[in-house]
Amino acid sequence: MPRGDKSSYSSKQKRQAEHIEDSERARGRSEGAAERIAWATVNKQDGGAKKSGGRKSTKKAAKKTARKSTAKKAGARKSTARTSTVKESTARKSAAKKSGARKSAAKKSSTRKSATKKSAARKSTSTARKAAARKGGRASAAKKTARKSAAKKSARKSTAKKAGARKSTARKRSSRS
């Protein structure tokens, strides 16, 4: 297809390009620039010319190749994962043989001791938390009542000040007249 030949584009693509070209001309672009932008936009949207009987849809072809490549990658991942797990397990076995049975027995007994200490610590902290929560509940209730009474007192004071101010202004006015 020679450069500039638009015969392989569908009529819908041609209409789209014409519409885009008109809008670009309205924005102040030159005729050549508007046409170039219009066809570039159509190509970007549709992936090129799409006249019937011409070529396959690019979306289907892309999906097909994507499926093939992911299948290959998954197979490669599985094989590498198998080899790495085999290597790890053999390394663990050899390390266990070297360390000996005495060390493992000592580790087991130390983990049992630490587990019992942890459970005892958990019990004591949970009871302490419960007691603190009870005390805190009582204290917070007392604080709330204290706050309420303080708020009431301040409200009374402010209303008393306002009333006193009103009286004094009324006295001043009456004394002037």
Protein backbone atom coordinates (compact mmCIF):
# COMPACT_ATOMS: atom_id res chain seq x y z
CA MET A 1 0.00 0.00 0.00
CA PRO A 2 1.57 3.31 -1.03
CA ARG A 3 1.92 6.00 1.56
CA GLY A 4 -1.23 8.09 1.96
CA ASP A 5 -3.55 5.47 0.44
CA LYS A 6 -6.65 5.20 2.61
CA SER A 7 -8.50 2.54 0.59
CA SER A 8 -7.98 -0.18 3.20
CA TYR A 9 -9.69 1.87 5.93
CA SER A 10 -13.37 1.21 6.62
CA SER A 11 -15.99 3.86 5.96
CA LYS A 12 -16.47 4.30 9.71
CA GLN A 13 -12.76 4.99 10.18
CA LYS A 14 -12.84 7.50 7.34
CA ARG A 15 -15.80 9.31 8.94
CA GLN A 16 -14.02 9.37 12.29
CA ALA A 17 -10.89 10.84 10.72
CA GLU A 18 -12.94 13.47 8.91
CA HIS A 19 -14.70 14.48 12.13
CA ILE A 20 -11.41 14.71 14.04
CA GLU A 21 -9.89 16.75 11.23
CA ASP A 22 -12.82 19.21 11.33
CA SER A 23 -12.48 19.68 15.08
CA GLU A 24 -8.72 20.24 14.79
CA ARG A 25 -9.29 22.83 12.05
CA ALA A 26 -11.79 24.58 14.36
CA ARG A 27 -9.07 24.74 17.01
CA GLY A 28 -6.82 26.60 14.62
CA ARG A 29 -4.54 23.88 13.20
CA SER A 30 -3.39 23.97 9.61
CA GLU A 31 -5.03 21.62 7.11
CA GLY A 32 -2.00 19.31 6.88
CA ALA A 33 -1.50 19.13 10.62
CA ALA A 34 -5.21 18.48 11.22
CA GLU A 35 -5.23 15.61 8.71
CA ARG A 36 -2.07 14.10 10.20
CA ILE A 37 -3.53 14.26 13.73
CA ALA A 38 -6.84 12.79 12.58
CA TRP A 39 -5.32 9.70 10.93
CA ALA A 40 -2.87 9.21 13.78
CA THR A 41 -5.80 9.22 16.21
CA VAL A 42 -7.75 6.68 14.14
CA ASN A 43 -4.70 4.43 13.92
CA LYS A 44 -4.12 4.69 17.66
CA GLN A 45 -7.75 3.80 18.46
CA ASP A 46 -8.22 0.95 16.00
CA GLY A 47 -4.71 -0.30 15.41
CA GLY A 48 -4.69 0.60 11.73
CA ALA A 49 -6.95 -0.07 8.76
CA LYS A 50 -9.86 -2.48 9.26
CA LYS A 51 -11.47 -3.10 5.91
CA SER A 52 -13.40 -6.39 5.81
CA GLY A 53 -11.45 -9.40 4.56
CA GLY A 54 -8.16 -7.62 5.10
CA ARG A 55 -6.47 -8.75 8.30
CA LYS A 56 -7.17 -10.28 11.70
CA SER A 57 -8.30 -8.25 14.65
CA THR A 58 -5.31 -7.10 16.65
CA LYS A 59 -7.06 -7.70 19.97
CA LYS A 60 -7.60 -11.41 19.32
CA ALA A 61 -4.04 -11.91 18.17
CA ALA A 62 -2.69 -10.06 21.19
CA LYS A 63 -4.78 -12.16 23.57
CA LYS A 64 -3.58 -15.35 21.95
CA THR A 65 0.10 -14.46 22.26
CA ALA A 66 -0.43 -13.27 25.85
CA ARG A 67 -1.93 -16.64 26.79
CA LYS A 68 0.97 -18.51 25.23
CA SER A 69 3.62 -16.41 26.94
CA THR A 70 1.98 -16.65 30.38
CA ALA A 71 1.72 -20.43 30.02
CA LYS A 72 5.43 -20.62 29.23
CA LYS A 73 6.31 -18.38 32.18
CA ALA A 74 4.17 -20.41 34.59
CA GLY A 75 5.85 -23.63 33.53
CA ALA A 76 9.27 -22.08 34.03
CA ARG A 77 8.28 -20.83 37.48
CA LYS A 78 7.09 -24.25 38.58
CA SER A 79 10.30 -25.96 37.55
CA THR A 80 12.50 -23.39 39.29
CA ALA A 81 10.35 -23.57 42.41
CA ARG A 82 10.75 -27.35 42.54
CA THR A 83 14.51 -27.20 42.25
CA SER A 84 14.82 -24.52 44.91
CA THR A 85 12.66 -26.42 47.41
CA VAL A 86 14.70 -29.57 46.83
CA LYS A 87 17.89 -27.63 47.50
CA GLU A 88 16.45 -26.09 50.66
CA SER A 89 15.28 -29.41 52.08
CA THR A 90 18.65 -31.08 51.52
CA ALA A 91 20.40 -28.13 53.17
CA ARG A 92 18.14 -28.44 56.20
CA LYS A 93 18.79 -32.16 56.53
CA SER A 94 22.55 -31.74 56.40
CA ALA A 95 22.41 -28.93 58.95
CA ALA A 96 20.33 -31.06 61.30
CA LYS A 97 22.83 -33.91 61.10
CA LYS A 98 25.73 -31.62 61.91
CA SER A 99 24.08 -29.97 64.90
CA GLY A 100 23.39 -33.27 66.63
CA ALA A 101 20.60 -34.54 68.78
CA ARG A 102 21.80 -32.85 72.00
CA LYS A 103 21.26 -29.34 70.73
CA SER A 104 17.77 -30.10 69.52
CA ALA A 105 16.82 -31.61 72.88
CA ALA A 106 18.18 -28.54 74.68
CA LYS A 107 16.23 -26.27 72.35
CA LYS A 108 13.01 -28.18 72.98
CA SER A 109 13.31 -27.87 76.74
CA SER A 110 14.15 -24.17 76.56
CA THR A 111 11.15 -23.50 74.31
CA ARG A 112 8.89 -25.33 76.77
CA LYS A 113 10.17 -23.19 79.64
CA SER A 114 9.73 -19.96 77.72
CA ALA A 115 6.24 -21.00 76.67
CA THR A 116 5.17 -21.53 80.28
CA LYS A 117 6.67 -18.18 81.27
CA LYS A 118 4.82 -16.44 78.47
CA SER A 119 1.48 -17.97 79.41
CA ALA A 120 1.96 -16.94 83.07
CA ALA A 121 2.86 -13.43 81.96
CA ARG A 122 -0.22 -13.26 79.76
CA LYS A 123 -2.48 -14.29 82.63
CA SER A 124 -1.05 -11.70 85.00
CA THR A 125 -1.26 -8.90 82.42
CA SER A 126 -4.82 -9.78 81.53
CA THR A 127 -5.96 -9.62 85.16
CA ALA A 128 -4.07 -6.36 85.64
CA ARG A 129 -5.77 -4.93 82.56
CA LYS A 130 -9.19 -5.92 83.82
CA ALA A 131 -8.57 -4.26 87.18
CA ALA A 132 -7.30 -1.11 85.51
CA ALA A 133 -10.33 -1.04 83.27
CA ARG A 134 -12.63 -1.22 86.28
CA LYS A 135 -10.78 1.58 88.04
CA GLY A 136 -10.64 3.62 84.87
CA GLY A 137 -14.37 3.24 84.41
CA ARG A 138 -15.03 4.58 87.87
CA ALA A 139 -12.59 7.42 87.44
CA SER A 140 -13.97 8.40 84.08
CA ALA A 141 -17.50 8.50 85.46
CA ALA A 142 -16.34 10.76 88.29
CA LYS A 143 -14.51 12.98 85.80
CA LYS A 144 -17.62 13.28 83.66
CA THR A 145 -19.76 14.43 86.56
CA ALA A 146 -17.09 16.93 87.62
CA ARG A 147 -16.96 18.32 84.10
CA LYS A 148 -20.73 18.66 83.97
CA SER A 149 -20.90 20.53 87.25
CA ALA A 150 -18.06 22.83 86.21
CA ALA A 151 -19.83 23.56 82.94
CA LYS A 152 -23.03 24.40 84.81
CA LYS A 153 -21.18 26.77 87.14
CA SER A 154 -19.48 28.58 84.30
CA ALA A 155 -22.81 28.90 82.53
CA ARG A 156 -24.34 30.42 85.64
CA LYS A 157 -21.46 32.86 86.00
CA SER A 158 -21.68 34.00 82.41
CA THR A 159 -25.44 34.58 82.64
CA ALA A 160 -24.95 36.45 85.92
CA LYS A 161 -22.30 38.66 84.32
CA LYS A 162 -24.59 39.39 81.40
CA ALA A 163 -27.45 40.27 83.72
CA GLY A 164 -25.18 42.53 85.78
CA ALA A 165 -23.98 44.27 82.66
CA ARG A 166 -27.54 44.87 81.57
CA LYS A 167 -28.44 46.36 84.94
CA SER A 168 -25.45 48.68 84.96
CA THR A 169 -26.19 49.95 81.44
CA ALA A 170 -29.80 50.49 82.43
CA ARG A 171 -28.68 52.51 85.49
CA LYS A 172 -26.32 54.61 83.38
CA ARG A 173 -29.08 55.38 80.90
CA SER A 174 -31.53 56.31 83.62
CA SER A 175 -28.99 58.57 85.33
CA ARG A 176 -28.25 60.41 82.07
CA SER A 177 -31.84 61.25 81.37
